[in-house]
Protein backbone atom coordinates (compact mmCIF):
# COMPACT_ATOMS: atom_id res chain seq x y z
CA MET A 1 61.41 -14.42 15.76
CA ASP A 2 57.91 -15.68 16.25
CA PRO A 3 57.52 -19.58 16.02
CA PRO A 4 55.82 -20.85 12.96
CA VAL A 5 52.18 -21.89 13.01
CA PRO A 6 50.41 -24.52 10.90
CA MET A 7 49.23 -23.05 7.58
CA PRO A 8 45.44 -22.38 8.00
CA ASN A 9 43.32 -24.48 5.75
CA THR A 10 45.93 -27.23 5.38
CA SER A 11 46.00 -30.76 6.96
CA PRO A 12 48.75 -31.52 9.43
CA ALA A 13 50.06 -34.12 7.09
CA ASP A 14 50.82 -31.53 4.59
CA ASN A 15 53.55 -30.34 6.93
CA VAL A 16 53.05 -26.56 5.77
CA TRP A 17 53.82 -23.78 8.08
CA LEU A 18 53.21 -20.02 8.12
CA LEU A 19 56.11 -17.72 9.25
CA LYS A 20 56.36 -14.15 10.04
CA VAL A 21 59.69 -13.01 8.46
CA LYS A 22 62.03 -10.06 8.35
CA VAL A 23 64.09 -9.83 4.99
CA THR A 24 66.94 -7.62 4.14
CA LEU A 25 68.47 -7.36 0.68
CA THR A 26 71.43 -5.94 -0.80
CA PRO A 27 71.53 -5.10 -4.30
CA ASP A 28 74.48 -6.00 -6.69
CA GLU A 29 73.80 -2.89 -8.97
CA ASP A 30 72.54 0.64 -8.35
CA LEU A 31 68.83 1.01 -8.33
CA LEU A 32 67.80 4.12 -10.22
CA VAL A 33 64.92 6.59 -10.45
CA LEU A 34 64.04 9.66 -12.33
CA PRO A 35 65.66 12.79 -10.95
CA SER A 36 63.76 15.57 -9.19
CA THR A 37 62.04 18.22 -11.46
CA GLU A 38 64.66 20.89 -10.37
CA ASP A 39 67.57 18.68 -11.26
CA ALA A 40 65.96 17.56 -14.58
CA ARG A 41 65.09 21.11 -15.78
CA ALA A 42 68.68 22.24 -14.93
CA VAL A 43 69.79 19.78 -17.49
CA ASP A 44 66.94 20.78 -19.88
CA ALA A 45 68.04 24.57 -19.57
CA LEU A 46 71.46 23.73 -20.75
CA VAL A 47 70.32 21.59 -23.81
CA ASN A 48 67.62 24.26 -24.50
CA GLU A 49 70.07 27.02 -24.37
CA LEU A 50 72.26 25.22 -26.90
CA ASN A 51 69.60 24.23 -29.06
CA GLY A 52 68.54 28.03 -29.34
CA LEU A 53 71.90 29.08 -30.35
CA ILE A 54 71.98 26.45 -33.00
CA GLN A 55 68.56 27.71 -34.26
CA TRP A 56 69.89 31.26 -34.23
CA ARG A 57 72.89 30.08 -36.36
CA ASN A 58 70.60 28.19 -38.89
CA ALA A 59 68.44 31.41 -39.14
CA TYR A 60 71.54 33.34 -39.63
CA ALA A 61 73.15 30.96 -42.10
CA ASN A 62 69.91 31.33 -44.34
CA SER A 63 69.71 35.03 -44.00
CA PRO A 64 71.37 37.73 -46.40
CA TYR A 65 73.83 38.75 -43.51
CA ALA A 66 75.84 35.58 -43.45
CA LYS A 67 77.66 36.41 -46.67
CA ALA A 68 78.57 39.87 -45.50
CA CYS A 69 79.37 39.01 -41.87
CA GLY A 70 81.26 35.62 -42.29
CA ASP A 71 80.61 32.06 -41.52
CA LEU A 72 79.26 30.74 -38.23
CA GLU A 73 79.28 26.99 -37.13
CA ILE A 74 77.60 25.73 -33.88
CA THR A 75 77.09 22.12 -33.26
CA ALA A 76 75.96 20.18 -30.29
CA PRO A 77 78.62 17.94 -28.53
CA ALA A 78 76.31 14.86 -28.52
CA THR A 79 73.78 13.73 -31.15
CA THR A 80 71.36 12.70 -28.41
CA VAL A 81 70.60 13.73 -25.01
CA PRO A 82 71.09 10.83 -22.48
CA GLN A 83 68.09 10.53 -19.89
CA LEU A 84 69.13 11.60 -16.48
CA LEU A 85 68.89 9.20 -13.75
CA THR A 86 69.57 9.29 -9.91
CA VAL A 87 70.73 6.53 -7.55
CA ARG A 88 67.79 5.63 -5.37
CA TYR A 89 69.57 2.63 -3.59
CA PRO A 90 73.29 2.35 -4.07
CA LYS A 91 74.82 -1.26 -4.75
CA ASN A 92 76.27 -3.23 -1.99
CA ALA A 93 74.32 -1.34 0.57
CA PRO A 94 71.59 -3.22 2.48
CA LEU A 95 67.96 -1.94 1.65
CA PRO A 96 65.56 -0.97 4.33
CA PRO A 97 64.19 -4.27 6.00
CA VAL A 98 60.91 -5.94 4.87
CA TYR A 99 58.36 -7.46 7.20
CA GLY A 100 56.00 -10.14 5.92
CA LYS A 101 54.82 -13.72 5.75
CA MET A 102 56.08 -16.85 4.09
CA ALA A 103 55.12 -20.37 3.88
CA ALA A 104 57.47 -23.49 4.47
CA GLU A 105 56.57 -26.79 3.19
CA TRP A 106 58.92 -29.97 4.14
CA GLN A 107 59.48 -31.88 0.92
CA VAL A 108 61.28 -35.18 1.53
CA ASP A 109 64.69 -33.87 2.58
CA HIS A 110 64.42 -30.12 2.38
CA TRP A 111 62.23 -27.02 3.04
CA GLN A 112 60.41 -25.24 0.19
CA PHE A 113 59.58 -21.64 0.99
CA PHE A 114 56.81 -19.57 -0.72
CA LYS A 115 56.01 -15.90 -0.55
CA VAL A 116 52.56 -15.24 0.97
CA ASP A 117 52.69 -11.49 1.81
CA LEU A 118 56.06 -9.83 1.06
CA SER A 119 56.61 -7.11 -1.08
CA ALA A 120 59.99 -5.97 -2.70
CA PRO A 121 61.30 -2.85 -0.76
CA VAL A 122 62.33 -1.00 -3.89
CA ASP A 123 61.11 1.78 -5.99
CA GLY A 124 64.12 1.91 -8.23
CA LYS A 125 65.12 0.08 -11.42
CA LEU A 126 68.16 -1.31 -12.98
CA ARG A 127 69.89 0.83 -15.59
CA THR A 128 69.11 -1.70 -18.32
CA ASP A 129 65.48 -1.32 -17.65
CA PHE A 130 65.52 2.18 -19.03
CA ALA A 131 65.11 2.64 -22.72
CA GLY A 132 67.57 4.64 -24.74
CA PRO A 133 70.80 6.29 -23.54
CA THR A 134 71.07 7.44 -19.87
CA MET A 135 73.45 8.99 -17.48
CA ILE A 136 73.80 8.87 -13.67
CA GLN A 137 73.56 12.02 -11.90
CA GLY A 138 77.04 12.92 -10.49
CA SER A 139 78.84 10.42 -12.46
CA PRO A 140 81.96 11.23 -14.51
CA GLU A 141 79.93 10.58 -17.79
CA ALA A 142 77.17 12.83 -16.65
CA ASN A 143 79.56 15.64 -15.56
CA ALA A 144 81.34 15.33 -18.86
CA PHE A 145 78.11 15.75 -20.89
CA LEU A 146 77.15 18.92 -18.89
CA GLN A 147 80.64 20.43 -19.19
CA ALA A 148 80.68 19.57 -22.86
CA GLU A 149 77.31 21.42 -23.32
CA ARG A 150 78.54 24.53 -21.15
CA ASP A 151 81.54 24.64 -23.25
CA ALA A 152 79.80 24.61 -26.36
CA ILE A 153 77.29 27.22 -25.33
CA ALA A 154 80.10 29.52 -24.26
CA GLN A 155 82.05 28.91 -27.73
CA ALA A 156 78.82 29.61 -29.58
CA LYS A 157 78.01 32.89 -27.62
CA GLN A 158 81.72 34.02 -28.41
CA GLN A 159 81.24 33.39 -32.16
CA ILE A 160 77.81 35.09 -32.27
CA GLU A 161 79.27 38.17 -30.71
CA ALA A 162 82.08 38.12 -33.09
CA VAL A 163 79.47 38.26 -35.96
CA ARG A 164 77.55 40.84 -34.34
CA GLY A 165 80.63 42.85 -33.81
CA ARG A 166 81.49 42.73 -37.72
CA TYR A 167 77.96 43.63 -38.48
CA ALA A 168 78.07 46.82 -36.23
CA ASP A 169 81.42 47.74 -37.69
CA GLN A 170 80.06 47.52 -41.17
CA MET A 171 77.07 49.51 -40.45
CA ALA A 172 78.88 52.27 -38.68
CA ARG A 173 81.45 52.61 -41.58
CA SER A 174 78.76 52.45 -44.20
CA THR A 175 76.50 55.17 -42.87
CA ARG A 176 79.18 57.60 -41.80
CA PRO A 177 78.31 61.10 -42.88
CA GLY A 178 79.88 61.72 -46.40
CA THR A 179 79.98 58.00 -47.32
CA THR A 180 78.76 57.75 -50.95
CA PHE A 181 77.07 54.86 -53.06
CA ARG A 182 76.76 54.90 -56.68
CA GLY A 183 74.63 52.85 -58.84
CA GLN A 184 71.25 52.88 -60.50
CA ILE A 185 67.60 53.07 -60.18
CA SER A 186 65.80 50.65 -62.47
CA PHE A 187 62.18 50.85 -63.61
CA HIS A 188 61.15 48.30 -66.35
CA GLN A 189 63.81 48.63 -68.89
CA THR A 190 65.03 51.99 -67.95
CA MET A 191 68.09 52.61 -65.82
CA LEU A 192 68.52 55.94 -64.12
CA PRO A 193 72.24 56.41 -62.58
CA CYS A 194 72.18 57.80 -59.12
CA GLU A 195 74.41 58.76 -56.22
CA LEU A 196 73.31 58.13 -52.57
CA ARG A 197 75.22 60.08 -49.90
CA PHE A 198 74.95 59.72 -46.13
CA LEU A 199 74.12 62.93 -44.35
CA ASP A 200 74.62 64.22 -40.90
CA PRO A 201 72.21 62.28 -38.54
CA PRO A 202 69.09 63.91 -37.01
CA PRO A 203 69.88 65.49 -33.65
CA GLY A 204 69.63 63.24 -30.76
CA GLY A 205 72.91 61.15 -30.97
CA ASP A 206 70.95 57.92 -31.33
CA PRO A 207 73.32 55.62 -33.74
CA ARG A 208 70.21 54.05 -34.94
CA PHE A 209 69.00 57.11 -36.92
CA THR A 210 70.79 58.54 -39.95
CA ALA A 211 69.78 60.57 -43.05
CA PHE A 212 70.59 60.08 -46.80
CA GLN A 213 70.12 61.96 -49.94
CA ILE A 214 69.87 60.55 -53.43
CA THR A 215 70.53 62.50 -56.51
CA LEU A 216 69.75 61.39 -60.14
CA THR A 217 73.12 62.03 -61.62
CA SER A 218 71.57 62.27 -65.26
CA ASN A 219 69.34 64.88 -63.93
CA PRO A 220 70.63 66.73 -60.71
CA SER A 221 67.49 68.60 -60.31
CA TYR A 222 65.80 65.50 -58.97
CA GLN A 223 66.91 65.04 -55.46
CA PHE A 224 65.48 63.09 -52.57
CA THR A 225 66.29 63.46 -48.92
CA TYR A 226 65.41 60.88 -46.39
CA HIS A 227 65.46 60.15 -42.56
CA ALA A 228 66.27 56.54 -41.77
CA LYS A 229 66.42 54.01 -38.99
CA LEU A 230 69.29 51.55 -39.07
CA ALA A 231 69.11 48.03 -37.30
CA THR A 232 72.37 48.44 -35.66
CA GLU A 233 71.80 45.00 -33.91
CA LEU A 234 71.91 42.11 -36.28
CA PRO A 235 68.30 41.57 -36.94
CA ILE A 236 68.04 37.86 -36.07
CA ALA A 237 66.10 36.97 -32.90
CA LEU A 238 66.81 34.06 -30.68
CA PRO A 239 63.95 31.87 -30.14
CA THR A 240 61.96 31.90 -27.06
CA PRO A 241 61.70 28.57 -24.98
CA THR A 242 58.22 27.28 -24.02
CA PRO A 243 58.30 26.18 -20.46
CA ALA A 244 57.78 22.47 -19.78
CA PRO A 245 54.78 21.55 -17.78
CA THR A 246 55.13 21.12 -14.09
CA ASN A 247 56.71 17.77 -13.27
CA SER A 248 57.57 16.98 -16.68
CA TYR A 249 61.01 15.79 -17.52
CA ALA A 250 60.63 16.67 -21.35
CA ILE A 251 63.12 19.14 -22.92
CA PRO A 252 61.23 22.48 -23.39
CA ILE A 253 59.91 23.20 -26.84
CA LEU A 254 61.69 26.04 -28.63
CA ASP A 255 59.46 28.44 -30.70
CA GLY A 256 61.23 29.07 -33.95
CA PRO A 257 63.06 32.61 -34.33
CA SER A 258 61.16 35.43 -36.05
CA PRO A 259 61.57 35.54 -39.82
CA VAL A 260 64.78 37.49 -40.51
CA PRO A 261 64.05 40.85 -42.05
CA LYS A 262 65.13 41.36 -45.67
CA ASN A 263 66.07 44.91 -44.91
CA ASN A 264 67.93 46.71 -42.10
CA LEU A 265 67.59 50.30 -43.13
CA THR A 266 63.87 51.88 -43.04
CA PHE A 267 63.30 55.13 -44.55
CA SER A 268 60.99 58.21 -45.02
CA LEU A 269 60.89 60.99 -47.42
CA VAL A 270 61.80 64.32 -45.89
CA ARG A 271 61.85 66.58 -48.92
CA SER A 272 62.36 66.32 -52.70
CA SER A 273 62.86 68.51 -55.65
CA GLY A 274 62.09 67.94 -59.36
CA GLN A 275 59.16 68.13 -61.50
CA GLU A 276 56.41 65.41 -61.24
CA ASP A 277 56.01 64.09 -64.86
CA ASN A 278 54.37 60.77 -65.57
CA ARG A 279 55.73 60.86 -68.94
CA ALA A 280 59.37 60.48 -67.82
CA VAL A 281 60.94 58.07 -65.23
CA PRO A 282 62.57 60.76 -63.03
CA GLY A 283 59.10 62.25 -62.72
CA GLU A 284 57.48 59.07 -62.11
CA MET A 285 59.98 58.38 -59.34
CA LEU A 286 59.21 61.62 -57.79
CA ILE A 287 55.43 60.94 -57.78
CA GLY A 288 56.21 57.49 -56.29
CA ALA A 289 58.33 58.80 -53.57
CA ARG A 290 56.02 61.29 -52.38
CA SER A 291 53.09 59.12 -52.46
CA MET A 292 54.89 56.27 -50.73
CA GLY A 293 54.12 55.75 -47.08
CA PRO A 294 56.78 55.82 -44.15
CA ASP A 295 59.23 53.00 -43.18
CA HIS A 296 60.01 51.25 -46.47
CA GLY A 297 63.17 49.31 -46.52
CA LEU A 298 66.53 48.69 -48.07
CA LEU A 299 69.22 46.16 -47.31
CA LEU A 300 72.79 47.55 -46.49
CA LEU A 301 75.36 44.95 -46.34
CA GLY A 302 78.87 44.43 -47.50
CA GLY A 303 79.11 47.77 -49.18
CA HIS A 304 75.93 47.28 -51.15
CA LEU A 305 72.46 48.89 -51.01
CA ASP A 306 69.51 47.27 -52.61
CA GLY A 307 65.44 47.51 -52.41
CA MET A 308 62.61 49.45 -53.53
CA ILE A 309 63.05 53.21 -53.28
CA SER A 310 59.89 54.40 -54.86
CA TYR A 311 56.62 52.94 -56.45
CA TYR A 312 54.71 54.36 -59.43
CA GLN A 313 52.58 51.53 -61.01
CA SER A 314 55.62 49.35 -60.61
CA PRO A 315 58.51 49.29 -58.07
CA LEU A 316 61.59 51.47 -58.79
CA ILE A 317 64.56 49.51 -57.53
CA LEU A 318 67.80 50.84 -56.06
CA SER A 319 71.10 48.95 -56.54
CA ALA A 320 74.31 50.76 -55.42
CA GLN A 321 77.79 50.11 -54.44
CA GLN A 322 79.70 52.20 -51.97
CA ALA A 323 82.44 54.28 -53.45
CA GLN A 324 86.10 53.72 -52.36
């Protein structure tokens, strides 16, 4: 709007002029920026939740519980997570005007323009300027990705609950009062036939607590009564997410799940009968059972009971099968 003036520090013969200009640009493609922290973390939360369920599945698959409670398969719908971007300036829409200065020089039969003081009015980038896979917030591809994550999470939770239900059902049936297991207790090369029978649980009605009695069938005078605590919930812990730092767009890191316990039935001796005699295995078992501290464990799964039941110089190992 202002008339041009001769360019300072130039000769009039150069025919170079300084102009104040107003420039309006219209992009042919969307100009993109990173999303807000809130929007980025909403995506991270979905991805993190599904990753946690996959980690739980991996811990379960490598635990002794998988064989007894059934297979479980959880997969992510995408092998990589696209970077979320948001539209800063949509294509075909004029950008905010820019005011600055340009130079104009007459060259034979046309004017040549040069930027003197003029900045581009954009803080966005083209999609191709971002490395790796991307998705645009609110686009069909982004909505499809997020919905696939939600569907995978819902399906994974349903499968996990089914596994937990099968485990809980097994535990209830295997520890019902009167349920009997028959097997043996091994100590070095000696095998002692035994019978384990679940008793009425201690008062209180808590399904986690039970009681059982072991009788050495070859020498019934040796009996051992235990109070026990059962892991009624499948003892595999979901990993805990570590929150991402403020203003970070990185997906939160998941701490690994706790080690899966190798037993789910902890027990303490209540009373016993028999003669302590370190010259015979039954007597050695009695000495070991009375000297063991509380809360030792057995693994109860799929109608089997296994684990150390006593210790006298070496462990005495129980292995028993649920009677039909």
